[in-house]
């Protein structure tokens, strides 16, 4: 995920934002989407991913297919994934649970997009403690 672009709502949607991520073949050196705080260690136990909810023919565009989740103490050393899997190709909220791990940074890496596109999107991503 190299570039993050907040897209303005369209078609009369007022209280929603869509985040789009360009997918890279290798994980970036440093760009965690979720951080505990300066020098704060957090006990991460999962994350919640909500695909875009705008409906219409392009609603599935950018849905994450396969994923990996990482936790890091310093935002540089990520080690092995604490969770891997594949999301169902639908608009429902997805929860990823893993063994509680202490760290400062949490990363959701999109390994693939459901239609093979080189980008992904999310309506919301939440860290679970």
Protein backbone atom coordinates (compact mmCIF):
# COMPACT_ATOMS: atom_id res chain seq x y z
CA UNK A 1 0.00 0.00 0.00
CA UNK A 2 1.91 2.98 -1.22
CA UNK A 3 -0.53 5.84 -1.72
CA UNK A 4 -3.55 6.68 0.43
CA UNK A 5 -6.20 8.83 -1.20
CA UNK A 6 -9.30 9.95 0.70
CA UNK A 7 -11.99 10.06 -1.95
CA UNK A 8 -14.85 12.52 -1.51
CA UNK A 9 -18.31 10.99 -1.15
CA UNK A 10 -20.41 10.83 -4.30
CA UNK A 11 -24.03 10.22 -5.30
CA UNK A 12 -25.46 12.07 -2.31
CA UNK A 13 -23.55 10.13 0.34
CA UNK A 14 -22.91 12.66 3.09
CA UNK A 15 -21.48 10.85 6.10
CA UNK A 16 -19.06 8.43 4.46
CA UNK A 17 -15.50 8.41 3.22
CA UNK A 18 -13.77 5.91 0.98
CA UNK A 19 -10.07 5.15 1.33
CA UNK A 20 -8.27 3.65 -1.65
CA UNK A 21 -4.87 1.96 -1.48
CA UNK A 22 -2.58 1.11 -4.38
CA UNK A 23 -1.30 -2.43 -3.95
CA UNK A 24 2.40 -3.16 -4.30
CA UNK A 25 3.87 -6.62 -4.88
CA UNK A 26 5.99 -6.29 -1.73
CA UNK A 27 5.03 -4.68 1.60
CA UNK A 28 6.27 -1.11 2.00
CA UNK A 29 9.25 -0.42 4.21
CA UNK A 30 7.13 1.67 6.57
CA UNK A 31 3.50 2.72 6.47
CA UNK A 32 1.37 1.24 9.24
CA UNK A 33 -2.31 2.17 8.97
CA UNK A 34 -2.90 1.95 12.71
CA UNK A 35 -0.63 3.12 15.52
CA UNK A 36 -0.98 3.01 19.29
CA UNK A 37 0.72 6.32 20.10
CA UNK A 38 4.20 7.62 20.85
CA UNK A 39 6.06 4.89 22.74
CA UNK A 40 2.78 3.21 23.66
CA UNK A 41 2.50 -0.57 23.54
CA UNK A 42 -0.94 -1.93 22.78
CA UNK A 43 -2.29 -5.45 23.10
CA UNK A 44 -3.72 -6.04 19.60
CA UNK A 45 -6.20 -8.91 19.30
CA UNK A 46 -7.65 -8.35 15.84
CA UNK A 47 -9.02 -5.91 13.32
CA UNK A 48 -12.32 -5.10 11.64
CA UNK A 49 -12.52 -4.38 7.90
CA UNK A 50 -15.60 -2.88 6.25
CA UNK A 51 -15.50 -2.83 2.44
CA UNK A 52 -16.90 0.18 0.59
CA UNK A 53 -20.65 0.55 1.01
CA UNK A 54 -21.63 2.79 -1.89
CA UNK A 55 -23.59 0.14 -3.82
CA UNK A 56 -23.98 0.13 -7.58
CA UNK A 57 -22.01 -1.72 -10.21
CA UNK A 58 -18.61 -0.58 -8.85
CA UNK A 59 -19.25 -1.52 -5.22
CA UNK A 60 -17.02 -4.61 -5.36
CA UNK A 61 -14.22 -2.56 -6.92
CA UNK A 62 -11.21 -2.68 -4.58
CA UNK A 63 -12.44 -5.27 -2.12
CA UNK A 64 -9.56 -7.04 -0.41
CA UNK A 65 -9.29 -10.72 -1.38
CA UNK A 66 -6.35 -12.34 0.41
CA UNK A 67 -4.80 -10.50 3.36
CA UNK A 68 -2.02 -10.58 5.94
CA UNK A 69 -1.96 -8.85 9.34
CA UNK A 70 1.25 -7.81 11.08
CA UNK A 71 2.11 -6.30 14.48
CA UNK A 72 5.34 -4.38 15.08
CA UNK A 73 6.95 -2.83 18.15
CA UNK A 74 8.85 -0.18 16.17
CA UNK A 75 7.17 0.16 12.75
CA UNK A 76 10.30 -1.16 11.02
CA UNK A 77 10.57 -4.84 11.98
CA UNK A 78 7.33 -6.66 11.12
CA UNK A 79 8.30 -10.32 11.50
CA UNK A 80 5.81 -12.93 10.34
CA UNK A 81 2.11 -12.34 9.88
CA UNK A 82 -0.07 -12.86 12.98
CA UNK A 83 -3.03 -13.68 10.71
CA UNK A 84 -3.56 -14.58 7.05
CA UNK A 85 -6.63 -15.50 5.07
CA UNK A 86 -9.13 -14.46 2.43
CA UNK A 87 -12.20 -12.27 2.82
CA UNK A 88 -15.55 -13.22 1.29
CA UNK A 89 -16.40 -11.14 -1.78
CA UNK A 90 -19.33 -9.26 -0.26
CA UNK A 91 -20.04 -5.93 1.46
CA UNK A 92 -20.36 -7.36 4.97
CA UNK A 93 -18.09 -6.36 7.85
CA UNK A 94 -15.17 -8.75 8.35
CA UNK A 95 -13.46 -9.44 11.69
CA UNK A 96 -9.97 -10.92 11.85
CA UNK A 97 -9.02 -12.32 15.26
CA UNK A 98 -5.58 -13.50 16.26
CA UNK A 99 -3.68 -14.37 19.42
CA UNK A 100 -3.24 -11.14 21.40
CA UNK A 101 0.12 -9.57 20.49
CA UNK A 102 1.80 -6.54 22.06
CA UNK A 103 3.15 -3.84 19.76
CA UNK A 104 2.85 -0.23 18.70
CA UNK A 105 1.87 -0.68 15.04
CA UNK A 106 -0.76 -2.79 13.28
CA UNK A 107 -0.69 -3.43 9.51
CA UNK A 108 -3.33 -4.89 7.23
CA UNK A 109 -1.67 -5.92 3.97
CA UNK A 110 -3.86 -6.64 0.96
CA UNK A 111 -2.21 -9.51 -0.88
CA UNK A 112 -4.87 -9.44 -3.60
CA UNK A 113 -8.00 -7.64 -4.73
CA UNK A 114 -11.05 -9.80 -5.53
CA UNK A 115 -11.00 -9.01 -9.26
CA UNK A 116 -7.18 -8.92 -9.61
CA UNK A 117 -6.98 -5.11 -9.75
CA UNK A 118 -3.80 -3.36 -8.51
CA UNK A 119 -5.65 -1.40 -5.79
CA UNK A 120 -7.81 -1.96 -2.75
CA UNK A 121 -10.31 0.13 -0.82
CA UNK A 122 -11.97 0.26 2.58
CA UNK A 123 -14.87 2.15 4.12
CA UNK A 124 -13.48 1.53 7.64
CA UNK A 125 -10.64 -0.33 9.33
CA UNK A 126 -10.67 -0.64 13.13
CA UNK A 127 -8.12 -2.16 15.50
CA UNK A 128 -9.49 -4.56 18.11
CA UNK A 129 -7.93 -4.89 21.55
